[in-house]
Amino acid sequence: MEERVRARVVVSGRVQGVAFRLEARRAAGRIGVVGWVRNLPDGRVEAVIEGERRRVEEMIAWCRRGPALARVDALELAWEEPAGGFSDFAIVR
């Protein structure tokens, strides 16, 4: 069994109004990670991603690109202790 990890990412650029959260939820489902994604008041997007290390790293790579209409200028990454408690990948407010 692979190591379970948790990452918090904050994505900057043109990431709101371009379906970033919706596409992140879809990508998370394909990749097989759980957690959540939300818009921040300052125009950035924040996500918490939890799962097997290779899957979380794949989701982080997706966040570095984002959906087709997005322009990702920067991604801040912080590794955290996995907390569990997620059943899916949700869009939260």
PDB file of N, CA and C in Angstrom:
ATOM      1  N   MET A   1       0.839  -1.189   0.000  1.00  0.00           N
ATOM      2  CA  MET A   1       0.000   0.000   0.000  1.00  0.00           C
ATOM      3  C   MET A   1       0.878   1.244   0.000  1.00  0.00           C
ATOM      4  N   GLU A   2       0.530   2.192  -0.856  1.00  0.00           N
ATOM      5  CA  GLU A   2       1.302   3.412  -0.995  1.00  0.00           C
ATOM      6  C   GLU A   2       1.054   4.374   0.159  1.00  0.00           C
ATOM      7  N   GLU A   3       2.056   5.189   0.433  1.00  0.00           N
ATOM      8  CA  GLU A   3       1.955   6.203   1.485  1.00  0.00           C
ATOM      9  C   GLU A   3       0.824   7.194   1.189  1.00  0.00           C
ATOM     10  N   ARG A   4       0.033   7.480   2.206  1.00  0.00           N
ATOM     11  CA  ARG A   4      -1.050   8.456   2.071  1.00  0.00           C
ATOM     12  C   ARG A   4      -0.510   9.828   2.490  1.00  0.00           C
ATOM     13  N   VAL A   5      -0.771  10.847   1.651  1.00  0.00           N
ATOM     14  CA  VAL A   5      -0.260  12.190   1.909  1.00  0.00           C
ATOM     15  C   VAL A   5      -1.370  13.212   1.707  1.00  0.00           C
ATOM     16  N   ARG A   6      -1.069  14.436   2.145  1.00  0.00           N
ATOM     17  CA  ARG A   6      -2.011  15.540   1.987  1.00  0.00           C
ATOM     18  C   ARG A   6      -1.228  16.781   1.564  1.00  0.00           C
ATOM     19  N   ALA A   7      -1.747  17.471   0.560  1.00  0.00           N
ATOM     20  CA  ALA A   7      -1.111  18.697   0.088  1.00  0.00           C
ATOM     21  C   ALA A   7      -2.143  19.814   0.045  1.00  0.00           C
ATOM     22  N   ARG A   8      -1.684  21.017   0.372  1.00  0.00           N
ATOM     23  CA  ARG A   8      -2.508  22.222   0.222  1.00  0.00           C
ATOM     24  C   ARG A   8      -1.842  23.055  -0.866  1.00  0.00           C
ATOM     25  N   VAL A   9      -2.610  23.420  -1.889  1.00  0.00           N
ATOM     26  CA  VAL A   9      -2.068  24.246  -2.961  1.00  0.00           C
ATOM     27  C   VAL A   9      -2.882  25.527  -3.074  1.00  0.00           C
ATOM     28  N   VAL A  10      -2.205  26.598  -3.415  1.00  0.00           N
ATOM     29  CA  VAL A  10      -2.853  27.865  -3.716  1.00  0.00           C
ATOM     30  C   VAL A  10      -2.342  28.277  -5.094  1.00  0.00           C
ATOM     31  N   VAL A  11      -3.279  28.445  -6.022  1.00  0.00           N
ATOM     32  CA  VAL A  11      -2.943  28.695  -7.421  1.00  0.00           C
ATOM     33  C   VAL A  11      -3.274  30.139  -7.769  1.00  0.00           C
ATOM     34  N   SER A  12      -2.304  30.821  -8.385  1.00  0.00           N
ATOM     35  CA  SER A  12      -2.466  32.219  -8.793  1.00  0.00           C
ATOM     36  C   SER A  12      -2.459  32.328 -10.311  1.00  0.00           C
ATOM     37  N   GLY A  13      -3.102  33.366 -10.803  1.00  0.00           N
ATOM     38  CA  GLY A  13      -3.154  33.629 -12.243  1.00  0.00           C
ATOM     39  C   GLY A  13      -4.596  33.885 -12.635  1.00  0.00           C
ATOM     40  N   ARG A  14      -4.930  33.557 -13.866  1.00  0.00           N
ATOM     41  CA  ARG A  14      -6.338  33.645 -14.289  1.00  0.00           C
ATOM     42  C   ARG A  14      -6.959  32.279 -13.985  1.00  0.00           C
ATOM     43  N   VAL A  15      -7.431  32.150 -12.746  1.00  0.00           N
ATOM     44  CA  VAL A  15      -7.918  30.848 -12.275  1.00  0.00           C
ATOM     45  C   VAL A  15      -9.353  30.902 -11.759  1.00  0.00           C
ATOM     46  N   GLN A  16      -9.956  32.078 -11.739  1.00  0.00           N
ATOM     47  CA  GLN A  16     -11.373  32.181 -11.402  1.00  0.00           C
ATOM     48  C   GLN A  16     -12.138  32.599 -12.653  1.00  0.00           C
ATOM     49  N   GLY A  17     -13.360  32.061 -12.799  1.00  0.00           N
ATOM     50  CA  GLY A  17     -14.165  32.360 -13.976  1.00  0.00           C
ATOM     51  C   GLY A  17     -13.766  31.558 -15.202  1.00  0.00           C
ATOM     52  N   VAL A  18     -12.964  30.511 -15.001  1.00  0.00           N
ATOM     53  CA  VAL A  18     -12.509  29.679 -16.122  1.00  0.00           C
ATOM     54  C   VAL A  18     -12.788  28.195 -15.863  1.00  0.00           C
ATOM     55  N   ALA A  19     -13.723  27.903 -14.971  1.00  0.00           N
ATOM     56  CA  ALA A  19     -14.133  26.532 -14.621  1.00  0.00           C
ATOM     57  C   ALA A  19     -13.022  25.745 -13.920  1.00  0.00           C
ATOM     58  N   PHE A  20     -12.126  26.437 -13.235  1.00  0.00           N
ATOM     59  CA  PHE A  20     -11.023  25.752 -12.558  1.00  0.00           C
ATOM     60  C   PHE A  20     -11.540  24.766 -11.517  1.00  0.00           C
ATOM     61  N   ARG A  21     -12.472  25.213 -10.661  1.00  0.00           N
ATOM     62  CA  ARG A  21     -12.969  24.334  -9.594  1.00  0.00           C
ATOM     63  C   ARG A  21     -13.699  23.122 -10.156  1.00  0.00           C
ATOM     64  N   LEU A  22     -14.563  23.332 -11.138  1.00  0.00           N
ATOM     65  CA  LEU A  22     -15.314  22.232 -11.747  1.00  0.00           C
ATOM     66  C   LEU A  22     -14.370  21.225 -12.396  1.00  0.00           C
ATOM     67  N   GLU A  23     -13.409  21.725 -13.154  1.00  0.00           N
ATOM     68  CA  GLU A  23     -12.464  20.828 -13.819  1.00  0.00           C
ATOM     69  C   GLU A  23     -11.531  20.153 -12.817  1.00  0.00           C
ATOM     70  N   ALA A  24     -11.212  20.840 -11.719  1.00  0.00           N
ATOM     71  CA  ALA A  24     -10.395  20.214 -10.674  1.00  0.00           C
ATOM     72  C   ALA A  24     -11.143  19.040 -10.053  1.00  0.00           C
ATOM     73  N   ARG A  25     -12.438  19.225  -9.811  1.00  0.00           N
ATOM     74  CA  ARG A  25     -13.233  18.125  -9.257  1.00  0.00           C
ATOM     75  C   ARG A  25     -13.253  16.943 -10.222  1.00  0.00           C
ATOM     76  N   ARG A  26     -13.426  17.222 -11.499  1.00  0.00           N
ATOM     77  CA  ARG A  26     -13.414  16.138 -12.504  1.00  0.00           C
ATOM     78  C   ARG A  26     -12.055  15.445 -12.551  1.00  0.00           C
ATOM     79  N   ALA A  27     -10.985  16.239 -12.546  1.00  0.00           N
ATOM     80  CA  ALA A  27      -9.640  15.661 -12.584  1.00  0.00           C
ATOM     81  C   ALA A  27      -9.387  14.804 -11.348  1.00  0.00           C
ATOM     82  N   ALA A  28      -9.816  15.288 -10.183  1.00  0.00           N
ATOM     83  CA  ALA A  28      -9.629  14.531  -8.949  1.00  0.00           C
ATOM     84  C   ALA A  28     -10.341  13.181  -9.024  1.00  0.00           C
ATOM     85  N   GLY A  29     -11.523  13.168  -9.616  1.00  0.00           N
ATOM     86  CA  GLY A  29     -12.248  11.911  -9.779  1.00  0.00           C
ATOM     87  C   GLY A  29     -11.506  10.938 -10.681  1.00  0.00           C
ATOM     88  N   ARG A  30     -10.954  11.448 -11.772  1.00  0.00           N
ATOM     89  CA  ARG A  30     -10.182  10.596 -12.692  1.00  0.00           C
ATOM     90  C   ARG A  30      -8.905  10.077 -12.030  1.00  0.00           C
ATOM     91  N   ILE A  31      -8.244  10.965 -11.300  1.00  0.00           N
ATOM     92  CA  ILE A  31      -6.953  10.627 -10.705  1.00  0.00           C
ATOM     93  C   ILE A  31      -7.126   9.745  -9.465  1.00  0.00           C
ATOM     94  N   GLY A  32      -8.219   9.954  -8.733  1.00  0.00           N
ATOM     95  CA  GLY A  32      -8.480   9.129  -7.558  1.00  0.00           C
ATOM     96  C   GLY A  32      -7.995   9.744  -6.254  1.00  0.00           C
ATOM     97  N   VAL A  33      -8.187  11.059  -6.107  1.00  0.00           N
ATOM     98  CA  VAL A  33      -7.849  11.740  -4.857  1.00  0.00           C
ATOM     99  C   VAL A  33      -9.109  12.355  -4.272  1.00  0.00           C
ATOM    100  N   VAL A  34      -9.042  12.712  -2.992  1.00  0.00           N
ATOM    101  CA  VAL A  34     -10.162  13.342  -2.300  1.00  0.00           C
ATOM    102  C   VAL A  34      -9.699  14.676  -1.718  1.00  0.00           C
ATOM    103  N   GLY A  35     -10.666  15.489  -1.287  1.00  0.00           N
ATOM    104  CA  GLY A  35     -10.350  16.774  -0.685  1.00  0.00           C
ATOM    105  C   GLY A  35     -11.358  17.818  -1.103  1.00  0.00           C
ATOM    106  N   TRP A  36     -10.878  19.039  -1.324  1.00  0.00           N
ATOM    107  CA  TRP A  36     -11.775  20.121  -1.719  1.00  0.00           C
ATOM    108  C   TRP A  36     -11.018  21.215  -2.472  1.00  0.00           C
ATOM    109  N   VAL A  37     -11.802  22.071  -3.143  1.00  0.00           N
ATOM    110  CA  VAL A  37     -11.255  23.221  -3.870  1.00  0.00           C
ATOM    111  C   VAL A  37     -12.194  24.398  -3.666  1.00  0.00           C
ATOM    112  N   ARG A  38     -11.628  25.612  -3.576  1.00  0.00           N
ATOM    113  CA  ARG A  38     -12.463  26.795  -3.405  1.00  0.00           C
ATOM    114  C   ARG A  38     -11.774  28.030  -3.986  1.00  0.00           C
ATOM    115  N   ASN A  39     -12.595  29.019  -4.350  1.00  0.00           N
ATOM    116  CA  ASN A  39     -12.091  30.326  -4.741  1.00  0.00           C
ATOM    117  C   ASN A  39     -11.740  31.108  -3.486  1.00  0.00           C
ATOM    118  N   LEU A  40     -10.691  31.902  -3.559  1.00  0.00           N
ATOM    119  CA  LEU A  40     -10.327  32.812  -2.481  1.00  0.00           C
ATOM    120  C   LEU A  40     -10.735  34.233  -2.879  1.00  0.00           C
ATOM    121  N   PRO A  41     -11.018  35.088  -1.907  1.00  0.00           N
ATOM    122  CA  PRO A  41     -11.466  36.445  -2.219  1.00  0.00           C
ATOM    123  C   PRO A  41     -10.468  37.259  -3.043  1.00  0.00           C
ATOM    124  N   ASP A  42      -9.181  36.906  -2.983  1.00  0.00           N
ATOM    125  CA  ASP A  42      -8.158  37.672  -3.698  1.00  0.00           C
ATOM    126  C   ASP A  42      -7.940  37.209  -5.141  1.00  0.00           C
ATOM    127  N   GLY A  43      -8.791  36.282  -5.629  1.00  0.00           N
ATOM    128  CA  GLY A  43      -8.689  35.833  -7.020  1.00  0.00           C
ATOM    129  C   GLY A  43      -7.914  34.548  -7.210  1.00  0.00           C
ATOM    130  N   ARG A  44      -7.334  34.026  -6.149  1.00  0.00           N
ATOM    131  CA  ARG A  44      -6.625  32.751  -6.249  1.00  0.00           C
ATOM    132  C   ARG A  44      -7.576  31.590  -5.971  1.00  0.00           C
ATOM    133  N   VAL A  45      -7.105  30.372  -6.203  1.00  0.00           N
ATOM    134  CA  VAL A  45      -7.854  29.156  -5.904  1.00  0.00           C
ATOM    135  C   VAL A  45      -7.025  28.322  -4.937  1.00  0.00           C
ATOM    136  N   GLU A  46      -7.689  27.791  -3.908  1.00  0.00           N
ATOM    137  CA  GLU A  46      -7.028  26.939  -2.918  1.00  0.00           C
ATOM    138  C   GLU A  46      -7.624  25.544  -2.989  1.00  0.00           C
ATOM    139  N   ALA A  47      -6.770  24.539  -2.814  1.00  0.00           N
ATOM    140  CA  ALA A  47      -7.245  23.154  -2.788  1.00  0.00           C
ATOM    141  C   ALA A  47      -6.481  22.365  -1.736  1.00  0.00           C
ATOM    142  N   VAL A  48      -7.180  21.416  -1.128  1.00  0.00           N
ATOM    143  CA  VAL A  48      -6.574  20.421  -0.251  1.00  0.00           C
ATOM    144  C   VAL A  48      -6.781  19.085  -0.951  1.00  0.00           C
ATOM    145  N   ILE A  49      -5.692  18.361  -1.125  1.00  0.00           N
ATOM    146  CA  ILE A  49      -5.701  17.116  -1.899  1.00  0.00           C
ATOM    147  C   ILE A  49      -5.131  16.012  -1.027  1.00  0.00           C
ATOM    148  N   GLU A  50      -5.840  14.891  -0.932  1.00  0.00           N
ATOM    149  CA  GLU A  50      -5.373  13.793  -0.097  1.00  0.00           C
ATOM    150  C   GLU A  50      -5.517  12.480  -0.846  1.00  0.00           C
ATOM    151  N   GLY A  51      -4.537  11.603  -0.654  1.00  0.00           N
ATOM    152  CA  GLY A  51      -4.569  10.293  -1.293  1.00  0.00           C
ATOM    153  C   GLY A  51      -3.179   9.691  -1.340  1.00  0.00           C
ATOM    154  N   GLU A  52      -3.016   8.678  -2.193  1.00  0.00           N
ATOM    155  CA  GLU A  52      -1.710   8.055  -2.372  1.00  0.00           C
ATOM    156  C   GLU A  52      -0.762   9.080  -2.979  1.00  0.00           C
ATOM    157  N   ARG A  53       0.493   9.044  -2.551  1.00  0.00           N
ATOM    158  CA  ARG A  53       1.462  10.066  -2.951  1.00  0.00           C
ATOM    159  C   ARG A  53       1.494  10.287  -4.472  1.00  0.00           C
ATOM    160  N   ARG A  54       1.593   9.237  -5.256  1.00  0.00           N
ATOM    161  CA  ARG A  54       1.709   9.434  -6.707  1.00  0.00           C
ATOM    162  C   ARG A  54       0.456  10.078  -7.286  1.00  0.00           C
ATOM    163  N   ARG A  55      -0.700   9.777  -6.734  1.00  0.00           N
ATOM    164  CA  ARG A  55      -1.944  10.381  -7.211  1.00  0.00           C
ATOM    165  C   ARG A  55      -2.027  11.862  -6.808  1.00  0.00           C
ATOM    166  N   VAL A  56      -1.613  12.165  -5.583  1.00  0.00           N
ATOM    167  CA  VAL A  56      -1.605  13.569  -5.142  1.00  0.00           C
ATOM    168  C   VAL A  56      -0.632  14.368  -6.011  1.00  0.00           C
ATOM    169  N   GLU A  57       0.529  13.805  -6.294  1.00  0.00           N
ATOM    170  CA  GLU A  57       1.492  14.492  -7.147  1.00  0.00           C
ATOM    171  C   GLU A  57       0.937  14.702  -8.550  1.00  0.00           C
ATOM    172  N   GLU A  58       0.174  13.752  -9.061  1.00  0.00           N
ATOM    173  CA  GLU A  58      -0.466  13.907 -10.370  1.00  0.00           C
ATOM    174  C   GLU A  58      -1.494  15.039 -10.342  1.00  0.00           C
ATOM    175  N   MET A  59      -2.246  15.139  -9.251  1.00  0.00           N
ATOM    176  CA  MET A  59      -3.232  16.219  -9.127  1.00  0.00           C
ATOM    177  C   MET A  59      -2.539  17.576  -8.997  1.00  0.00           C
ATOM    178  N   ILE A  60      -1.436  17.627  -8.288  1.00  0.00           N
ATOM    179  CA  ILE A  60      -0.669  18.877  -8.189  1.00  0.00           C
ATOM    180  C   ILE A  60      -0.189  19.288  -9.581  1.00  0.00           C
ATOM    181  N   ALA A  61       0.286  18.338 -10.358  1.00  0.00           N
ATOM    182  CA  ALA A  61       0.725  18.634 -11.725  1.00  0.00           C
ATOM    183  C   ALA A  61      -0.439  19.184 -12.545  1.00  0.00           C
ATOM    184  N   TRP A  62      -1.639  18.614 -12.362  1.00  0.00           N
ATOM    185  CA  TRP A  62      -2.811  19.145 -13.065  1.00  0.00           C
ATOM    186  C   TRP A  62      -3.057  20.596 -12.644  1.00  0.00           C
ATOM    187  N   CYS A  63      -2.955  20.890 -11.354  1.00  0.00           N
ATOM    188  CA  CYS A  63      -3.178  22.252 -10.857  1.00  0.00           C
ATOM    189  C   CYS A  63      -2.167  23.239 -11.437  1.00  0.00           C
ATOM    190  N   ARG A  64      -0.977  22.788 -11.734  1.00  0.00           N
ATOM    191  CA  ARG A  64       0.033  23.672 -12.337  1.00  0.00           C
ATOM    192  C   ARG A  64      -0.370  24.091 -13.754  1.00  0.00           C
ATOM    193  N   ARG A  65      -1.192  23.289 -14.420  1.00  0.00           N
ATOM    194  CA  ARG A  65      -1.671  23.599 -15.774  1.00  0.00           C
ATOM    195  C   ARG A  65      -3.064  24.208 -15.726  1.00  0.00           C
ATOM    196  N   GLY A  66      -3.957  23.580 -14.951  1.00  0.00           N
ATOM    197  CA  GLY A  66      -5.347  24.010 -14.884  1.00  0.00           C
ATOM    198  C   GLY A  66      -6.101  23.643 -16.153  1.00  0.00           C
ATOM    199  N   PRO A  67      -7.357  24.075 -16.237  1.00  0.00           N
ATOM    200  CA  PRO A  67      -8.154  23.795 -17.435  1.00  0.00           C
ATOM    201  C   PRO A  67      -7.715  24.683 -18.605  1.00  0.00           C
ATOM    202  N   ALA A  68      -8.263  24.422 -19.764  1.00  0.00           N
ATOM    203  CA  ALA A  68      -7.837  25.091 -21.005  1.00  0.00           C
ATOM    204  C   ALA A  68      -7.870  26.612 -20.932  1.00  0.00           C
ATOM    205  N   LEU A  69      -8.885  27.200 -20.309  1.00  0.00           N
ATOM    206  CA  LEU A  69      -9.017  28.654 -20.296  1.00  0.00           C
ATOM    207  C   LEU A  69      -8.215  29.334 -19.185  1.00  0.00           C
ATOM    208  N   ALA A  70      -7.626  28.560 -18.302  1.00  0.00           N
ATOM    209  CA  ALA A  70      -6.871  29.128 -17.178  1.00  0.00           C
ATOM    210  C   ALA A  70      -5.464  29.532 -17.617  1.00  0.00           C
ATOM    211  N   ARG A  71      -4.883  30.430 -16.837  1.00  0.00           N
ATOM    212  CA  ARG A  71      -3.461  30.768 -16.959  1.00  0.00           C
ATOM    213  C   ARG A  71      -2.891  30.706 -15.550  1.00  0.00           C
ATOM    214  N   VAL A  72      -2.108  29.695 -15.275  1.00  0.00           N
ATOM    215  CA  VAL A  72      -1.520  29.525 -13.952  1.00  0.00           C
ATOM    216  C   VAL A  72      -0.160  30.221 -13.938  1.00  0.00           C
ATOM    217  N   ASP A  73      -0.050  31.243 -13.082  1.00  0.00           N
ATOM    218  CA  ASP A  73       1.205  31.977 -12.952  1.00  0.00           C
ATOM    219  C   ASP A  73       2.081  31.417 -11.842  1.00  0.00           C
ATOM    220  N   ALA A  74       1.474  30.913 -10.784  1.00  0.00           N
ATOM    221  CA  ALA A  74       2.248  30.392  -9.650  1.00  0.00           C
ATOM    222  C   ALA A  74       1.410  29.385  -8.877  1.00  0.00           C
ATOM    223  N   LEU A  75       2.103  28.455  -8.228  1.00  0.00           N
ATOM    224  CA  LEU A  75       1.448  27.484  -7.362  1.00  0.00           C
ATOM    225  C   LEU A  75       2.249  27.385  -6.072  1.00  0.00           C
ATOM    226  N   GLU A  76       1.599  27.683  -4.952  1.00  0.00           N
ATOM    227  CA  GLU A  76       2.214  27.507  -3.638  1.00  0.00           C
ATOM    228  C   GLU A  76       1.811  26.127  -3.136  1.00  0.00           C
ATOM    229  N   LEU A  77       2.765  25.390  -2.594  1.00  0.00           N
ATOM    230  CA  LEU A  77       2.533  24.016  -2.158  1.00  0.00           C
ATOM    231  C   LEU A  77       3.002  23.839  -0.727  1.00  0.00           C
ATOM    232  N   ALA A  78       2.134  23.260   0.106  1.00  0.00           N
ATOM    233  CA  ALA A  78       2.498  22.919   1.480  1.00  0.00           C
ATOM    234  C   ALA A  78       2.044  21.485   1.745  1.00  0.00           C
ATOM    235  N   TRP A  79       2.960  20.662   2.245  1.00  0.00           N
ATOM    236  CA  TRP A  79       2.619  19.294   2.630  1.00  0.00           C
ATOM    237  C   TRP A  79       2.127  19.307   4.061  1.00  0.00           C
ATOM    238  N   GLU A  80       1.035  18.575   4.317  1.00  0.00           N
ATOM    239  CA  GLU A  80       0.430  18.505   5.648  1.00  0.00           C
ATOM    240  C   GLU A  80       0.246  17.045   6.030  1.00  0.00           C
ATOM    241  N   GLU A  81      -0.049  16.820   7.284  1.00  0.00           N
ATOM    242  CA  GLU A  81      -0.359  15.466   7.747  1.00  0.00           C
ATOM    243  C   GLU A  81      -1.736  15.077   7.206  1.00  0.00           C
ATOM    244  N   PRO A  82      -1.873  13.886   6.633  1.00  0.00           N
ATOM    245  CA  PRO A  82      -3.196  13.468   6.175  1.00  0.00           C
ATOM    246  C   PRO A  82      -4.160  13.353   7.350  1.00  0.00           C
ATOM    247  N   ALA A  83      -5.362  13.872   7.167  1.00  0.00           N
ATOM    248  CA  ALA A  83      -6.347  13.899   8.249  1.00  0.00           C
ATOM    249  C   ALA A  83      -7.507  12.947   8.004  1.00  0.00           C
ATOM    250  N   GLY A  84      -7.665  12.501   6.760  1.00  0.00           N
ATOM    251  CA  GLY A  84      -8.808  11.657   6.443  1.00  0.00           C
ATOM    252  C   GLY A  84     -10.092  12.456   6.518  1.00  0.00           C
ATOM    253  N   GLY A  85     -11.197  11.759   6.548  1.00  0.00           N
ATOM    254  CA  GLY A  85     -12.482  12.421   6.682  1.00  0.00           C
ATOM    255  C   GLY A  85     -13.121  12.852   5.378  1.00  0.00           C
ATOM    256  N   PHE A  86     -12.432  12.694   4.257  1.00  0.00           N
ATOM    257  CA  PHE A  86     -13.010  13.050   2.962  1.00  0.00           C
ATOM    258  C   PHE A  86     -13.578  11.803   2.293  1.00  0.00           C
ATOM    259  N   SER A  87     -14.730  11.955   1.663  1.00  0.00           N
ATOM    260  CA  SER A  87     -15.297  10.838   0.898  1.00  0.00           C
ATOM    261  C   SER A  87     -15.215  11.095  -0.602  1.00  0.00           C
ATOM    262  N   ASP A  88     -14.989  12.357  -0.977  1.00  0.00           N
ATOM    263  CA  ASP A  88     -14.879  12.721  -2.386  1.00  0.00           C
ATOM    264  C   ASP A  88     -14.078  14.009  -2.502  1.00  0.00           C
ATOM    265  N   PHE A  89     -14.104  14.617  -3.670  1.00  0.00           N
ATOM    266  CA  PHE A  89     -13.438  15.895  -3.893  1.00  0.00           C
ATOM    267  C   PHE A  89     -14.526  16.914  -4.163  1.00  0.00           C
ATOM    268  N   ALA A  90     -14.676  17.873  -3.269  1.00  0.00           N
ATOM    269  CA  ALA A  90     -15.823  18.791  -3.299  1.00  0.00           C
ATOM    270  C   ALA A  90     -15.399  20.208  -3.651  1.00  0.00           C
ATOM    271  N   ILE A  91     -16.343  20.930  -4.220  1.00  0.00           N
ATOM    272  CA  ILE A  91     -16.204  22.369  -4.388  1.00  0.00           C
ATOM    273  C   ILE A  91     -16.852  23.001  -3.159  1.00  0.00           C
ATOM    274  N   VAL A  92     -16.074  23.789  -2.420  1.00  0.00           N
ATOM    275  CA  VAL A  92     -16.587  24.417  -1.203  1.00  0.00           C
ATOM    276  C   VAL A  92     -16.521  25.941  -1.356  1.00  0.00           C
ATOM    277  N   ARG A  93     -17.236  26.622  -0.487  1.00  0.00           N
ATOM    278  CA  ARG A  93     -17.241  28.098  -0.511  1.00  0.00           C
ATOM    279  C   ARG A  93     -16.482  28.649   0.670  1.00  0.00           C
TER     280      ARG A  93
END
